[in-house]
Amino acid sequence: MEYKYIVASIVYSLVGIVILVICFVTIEKIAPENLWKKIVDEQNVALAILAAAFMIALSIIISSAIHG
């Protein structure tokens, strides 16, 4: 019986990660410039903090939706 909870936890974690990646890619496509290039090549710290805040906020929303 305990395996059921472990498998469910892994599946929900993977679903949450996939949703997070899809949302980040969507935001990347909507943005007027390439966010990843700005963060990595130009080392734009403010943009990196904004992207991190977006991911944290979206992760909280996804975890709330999954756990009910």
C-alpha atoms as a PDB file:
ATOM      1  CA  MET A   1       0.000   0.000   0.000  1.00  0.00           C
ATOM      2  CA  GLU A   2       2.832   2.409   0.682  1.00  0.00           C
ATOM      3  CA  TYR A   3       4.082   1.987  -2.883  1.00  0.00           C
ATOM      4  CA  LYS A   4       0.865   3.541  -4.132  1.00  0.00           C
ATOM      5  CA  TYR A   5       1.679   6.795  -2.350  1.00  0.00           C
ATOM      6  CA  ILE A   6       5.271   6.806  -3.564  1.00  0.00           C
ATOM      7  CA  VAL A   7       4.225   6.244  -7.181  1.00  0.00           C
ATOM      8  CA  ALA A   8       1.527   8.915  -6.906  1.00  0.00           C
ATOM      9  CA  SER A   9       4.053  11.353  -5.451  1.00  0.00           C
ATOM     10  CA  ILE A  10       6.510  10.702  -8.284  1.00  0.00           C
ATOM     11  CA  VAL A  11       3.824  11.016 -10.958  1.00  0.00           C
ATOM     12  CA  TYR A  12       2.500  14.274  -9.523  1.00  0.00           C
ATOM     13  CA  SER A  13       6.041  15.647  -9.241  1.00  0.00           C
ATOM     14  CA  LEU A  14       6.729  14.847 -12.887  1.00  0.00           C
ATOM     15  CA  VAL A  15       3.414  16.372 -13.968  1.00  0.00           C
ATOM     16  CA  GLY A  16       4.245  19.533 -12.016  1.00  0.00           C
ATOM     17  CA  ILE A  17       7.702  19.785 -13.578  1.00  0.00           C
ATOM     18  CA  VAL A  18       6.298  19.301 -17.081  1.00  0.00           C
ATOM     19  CA  ILE A  19       3.687  22.004 -16.508  1.00  0.00           C
ATOM     20  CA  LEU A  20       6.353  24.372 -15.157  1.00  0.00           C
ATOM     21  CA  VAL A  21       8.590  23.815 -18.194  1.00  0.00           C
ATOM     22  CA  ILE A  22       5.682  24.305 -20.595  1.00  0.00           C
ATOM     23  CA  CYS A  23       4.739  27.576 -18.893  1.00  0.00           C
ATOM     24  CA  PHE A  24       8.327  28.848 -18.959  1.00  0.00           C
ATOM     25  CA  VAL A  25       8.674  28.006 -22.659  1.00  0.00           C
ATOM     26  CA  THR A  26       5.365  29.769 -23.330  1.00  0.00           C
ATOM     27  CA  ILE A  27       6.556  32.895 -21.526  1.00  0.00           C
ATOM     28  CA  GLU A  28       9.845  32.643 -23.438  1.00  0.00           C
ATOM     29  CA  LYS A  29       7.920  32.641 -26.738  1.00  0.00           C
ATOM     30  CA  ILE A  30       5.682  35.550 -25.699  1.00  0.00           C
ATOM     31  CA  ALA A  31       8.563  37.748 -24.499  1.00  0.00           C
ATOM     32  CA  PRO A  32       9.911  40.216 -27.058  1.00  0.00           C
ATOM     33  CA  GLU A  33      13.503  39.055 -26.545  1.00  0.00           C
ATOM     34  CA  ASN A  34      15.192  35.765 -25.736  1.00  0.00           C
ATOM     35  CA  LEU A  35      15.112  35.606 -21.917  1.00  0.00           C
ATOM     36  CA  TRP A  36      17.544  32.703 -21.626  1.00  0.00           C
ATOM     37  CA  LYS A  37      20.124  34.497 -23.799  1.00  0.00           C
ATOM     38  CA  LYS A  38      19.758  37.673 -21.741  1.00  0.00           C
ATOM     39  CA  ILE A  39      20.213  35.740 -18.483  1.00  0.00           C
ATOM     40  CA  VAL A  40      23.134  33.544 -19.569  1.00  0.00           C
ATOM     41  CA  ASP A  41      25.075  35.612 -22.106  1.00  0.00           C
ATOM     42  CA  GLU A  42      24.493  39.126 -20.795  1.00  0.00           C
ATOM     43  CA  GLN A  43      24.227  37.977 -17.151  1.00  0.00           C
ATOM     44  CA  ASN A  44      21.161  40.093 -16.465  1.00  0.00           C
ATOM     45  CA  VAL A  45      20.662  39.512 -12.735  1.00  0.00           C
ATOM     46  CA  ALA A  46      17.354  41.374 -12.533  1.00  0.00           C
ATOM     47  CA  LEU A  47      15.868  39.208 -15.266  1.00  0.00           C
ATOM     48  CA  ALA A  48      17.187  36.060 -13.583  1.00  0.00           C
ATOM     49  CA  ILE A  49      15.514  37.090 -10.316  1.00  0.00           C
ATOM     50  CA  LEU A  50      12.273  37.769 -12.188  1.00  0.00           C
ATOM     51  CA  ALA A  51      12.417  34.351 -13.865  1.00  0.00           C
ATOM     52  CA  ALA A  52      13.115  32.672 -10.517  1.00  0.00           C
ATOM     53  CA  ALA A  53      10.191  34.480  -8.880  1.00  0.00           C
ATOM     54  CA  PHE A  54       7.952  33.391 -11.769  1.00  0.00           C
ATOM     55  CA  MET A  55       9.021  29.760 -11.337  1.00  0.00           C
ATOM     56  CA  ILE A  56       8.513  29.829  -7.567  1.00  0.00           C
ATOM     57  CA  ALA A  57       5.068  31.415  -7.878  1.00  0.00           C
ATOM     58  CA  LEU A  58       4.013  28.981 -10.574  1.00  0.00           C
ATOM     59  CA  SER A  59       5.341  26.051  -8.538  1.00  0.00           C
ATOM     60  CA  ILE A  60       3.218  27.123  -5.567  1.00  0.00           C
ATOM     61  CA  ILE A  61       0.151  27.346  -7.802  1.00  0.00           C
ATOM     62  CA  ILE A  62       0.814  23.944  -9.373  1.00  0.00           C
ATOM     63  CA  SER A  63       1.400  22.258  -6.005  1.00  0.00           C
ATOM     64  CA  SER A  64      -1.808  23.752  -4.639  1.00  0.00           C
ATOM     65  CA  ALA A  65      -3.744  22.532  -7.667  1.00  0.00           C
ATOM     66  CA  ILE A  66      -2.299  19.019  -7.407  1.00  0.00           C
ATOM     67  CA  HIS A  67      -2.828  18.642  -3.661  1.00  0.00           C
ATOM     68  CA  GLY A  68      -6.255  20.194  -3.726  1.00  0.00           C
END
